[in-house]
Structure formats: C-alpha cells, structure tokens
Amino acid sequence: MLSKVVFASFCAFVLAGCTAKTTTLVKPQLVDRPELIVPQTQPVTQSDIKWIVLTADNYDSKMKQLGSPTLFAVNAQGYRNLSVNVAELRKYIQQQNAVIEAYKTYYKNEQPQQK
C-alpha cells in the first residue's frame, strides 16, 4: 500500500513538472557569410587531330599509307551537326562561367542588412 502511495506521489510530481511553463527567448543574430571559394577552372587543352579525306582518286594511296585503319565517316550534314554540337557545348560552358561569376560577385559585394 505504501509503495502505491509513493508511486502515485512520484507520478504526480513528474506530471506537475511537465506543466511548468518556461519561456525561451530566441534572439536572431546576423552572421557574415562565409567566403565563397570556387576553384578556378582550367582551360580545356586539346591535341591536334590530323584529318585525312578519302576520295575515289586517293583511296588506294591513303589506305597503303594508313596500314590497317579504322575509319569513322560522316556525311556533310553529320559534319555540320558535329560543329553545331561543339558550338553548343562552348556556349553552355560560357553560361556556366557567367553563373559562377554572378555568385562570386553576389557573395563578395553584398553588405549584410542592418536593422
């Protein structure tokens, strides 16, 4: 019986402790942005490519010169498409560089807001 009274008293104290109101004051603080560190990209370096054009007139001499070649061929439209794709890739890279520069400028030049 005594243990039931002690247990009930303990539960009452625990529950009473949960009803105590405490207020927490949250005070926001302005902090400086960390410095944006974006590594400088290295320019793309490409090796020279020697193109060999095969025609009906030079086919035999070029095949002897090449030995046992593996040929990749494109027609005129395929060559145009290849050059357009390279130009699109160059444009995309330039746009990404502009975005990176905009982020750098934004984070370096903007002053924190003052109240």
Protein backbone atom coordinates (compact mmCIF):
# COMPACT_ATOMS: atom_id res chain seq x y z
CA MET A 1 0.00 0.00 0.00
CA LEU A 2 2.78 2.38 0.92
CA SER A 3 4.52 1.65 -2.36
CA LYS A 4 1.33 2.59 -4.26
CA VAL A 5 1.17 5.91 -2.44
CA VAL A 6 4.84 6.61 -3.13
CA PHE A 7 4.38 5.69 -6.79
CA ALA A 8 1.29 7.89 -7.11
CA SER A 9 3.13 10.79 -5.45
CA PHE A 10 6.07 10.33 -7.79
CA CYS A 11 3.79 10.33 -10.85
CA ALA A 12 2.05 13.47 -9.58
CA PHE A 13 5.37 15.30 -9.17
CA VAL A 14 6.54 14.21 -12.61
CA LEU A 15 3.30 15.31 -14.25
CA ALA A 16 3.31 18.58 -12.34
CA GLY A 17 6.84 19.23 -13.57
CA CYS A 18 5.68 18.87 -17.16
CA THR A 19 3.07 21.60 -16.74
CA ALA A 20 5.53 24.23 -15.58
CA LYS A 21 5.75 26.92 -18.21
CA THR A 22 9.14 28.07 -19.28
CA THR A 23 9.66 30.65 -21.96
CA THR A 24 12.65 30.57 -24.19
CA LEU A 25 13.68 33.75 -25.88
CA VAL A 26 15.25 33.22 -29.28
CA LYS A 27 17.34 36.14 -30.39
CA PRO A 28 18.46 36.04 -34.01
CA GLN A 29 21.98 37.13 -34.76
CA LEU A 30 23.35 38.36 -38.04
CA VAL A 31 26.41 36.48 -39.10
CA ASP A 32 28.69 37.17 -42.00
CA ARG A 33 28.52 34.84 -44.94
CA PRO A 34 31.48 32.55 -45.25
CA GLU A 35 33.75 33.43 -48.13
CA LEU A 36 32.75 31.70 -51.33
CA ILE A 37 35.65 29.60 -52.51
CA VAL A 38 35.24 28.38 -56.04
CA PRO A 39 38.32 26.93 -57.67
CA GLN A 40 39.31 28.45 -60.98
CA THR A 41 38.66 26.01 -63.78
CA GLN A 42 41.49 25.04 -66.03
CA PRO A 43 41.02 25.72 -69.73
CA VAL A 44 40.46 22.69 -71.90
CA THR A 45 43.51 21.73 -73.87
CA GLN A 46 43.07 19.54 -76.88
CA SER A 47 45.55 17.68 -79.01
CA ASP A 48 45.80 18.32 -82.72
CA ILE A 49 43.92 15.93 -84.95
CA LYS A 50 45.07 15.12 -88.43
CA TRP A 51 42.13 14.66 -90.75
CA ILE A 52 42.54 12.52 -93.83
CA VAL A 53 39.97 12.89 -96.55
CA LEU A 54 39.44 9.81 -98.67
CA THR A 55 38.21 10.24 -102.18
CA ALA A 56 37.87 7.83 -105.07
CA ASP A 57 41.10 9.27 -106.52
CA ASN A 58 43.34 8.92 -103.44
CA TYR A 59 41.75 5.88 -101.76
CA ASP A 60 44.45 3.33 -102.69
CA SER A 61 47.43 5.53 -101.79
CA LYS A 62 45.91 6.65 -98.46
CA MET A 63 44.98 3.09 -97.48
CA LYS A 64 48.60 1.98 -98.10
CA GLN A 65 49.83 4.93 -96.03
CA LEU A 66 47.47 4.14 -93.14
CA GLY A 67 48.16 0.41 -92.94
CA SER A 68 45.14 -1.26 -91.33
CA PRO A 69 42.97 1.71 -90.39
CA THR A 70 39.69 2.00 -88.60
CA LEU A 71 37.53 4.52 -90.35
CA PHE A 72 34.98 6.90 -88.90
CA ALA A 73 32.96 8.69 -91.51
CA VAL A 74 30.33 11.41 -91.53
CA ASN A 75 28.49 12.97 -94.39
CA ALA A 76 28.24 16.73 -94.90
CA GLN A 77 25.17 17.05 -92.64
CA GLY A 78 26.86 14.97 -89.93
CA TYR A 79 29.90 17.24 -90.05
CA ARG A 80 27.66 20.31 -89.72
CA ASN A 81 25.87 18.70 -86.77
CA LEU A 82 29.23 17.91 -85.14
CA SER A 83 30.37 21.53 -85.39
CA VAL A 84 26.99 22.82 -84.10
CA ASN A 85 27.25 20.44 -81.12
CA VAL A 86 30.73 21.75 -80.28
CA ALA A 87 29.43 25.32 -80.52
CA GLU A 88 26.51 24.47 -78.20
CA LEU A 89 28.93 22.93 -75.71
CA ARG A 90 31.09 26.06 -75.82
CA LYS A 91 28.00 28.24 -75.25
CA TYR A 92 26.93 26.09 -72.27
CA ILE A 93 30.38 26.36 -70.68
CA GLN A 94 30.33 30.16 -71.11
CA GLN A 95 26.89 30.34 -69.48
CA GLN A 96 28.07 28.26 -66.52
CA ASN A 97 31.11 30.52 -66.11
CA ALA A 98 28.78 33.54 -66.08
CA VAL A 99 26.66 31.92 -63.35
CA ILE A 100 29.73 31.21 -61.25
CA GLU A 101 30.94 34.79 -61.67
CA ALA A 102 27.50 36.07 -60.63
CA TYR A 103 27.61 34.00 -57.44
CA LYS A 104 31.12 35.25 -56.67
CA THR A 105 30.06 38.86 -57.18
CA TYR A 106 26.93 38.39 -55.08
CA TYR A 107 28.73 36.89 -52.12
CA LYS A 108 31.73 39.21 -52.19
CA ASN A 109 29.99 42.55 -52.74
CA GLU A 110 26.71 42.40 -50.81
CA GLN A 111 26.79 44.01 -47.40
CA PRO A 112 24.78 42.41 -44.55
CA GLN A 113 21.44 44.05 -43.86
CA GLN A 114 21.36 46.37 -40.85
CA LYS A 115 18.34 46.91 -38.61
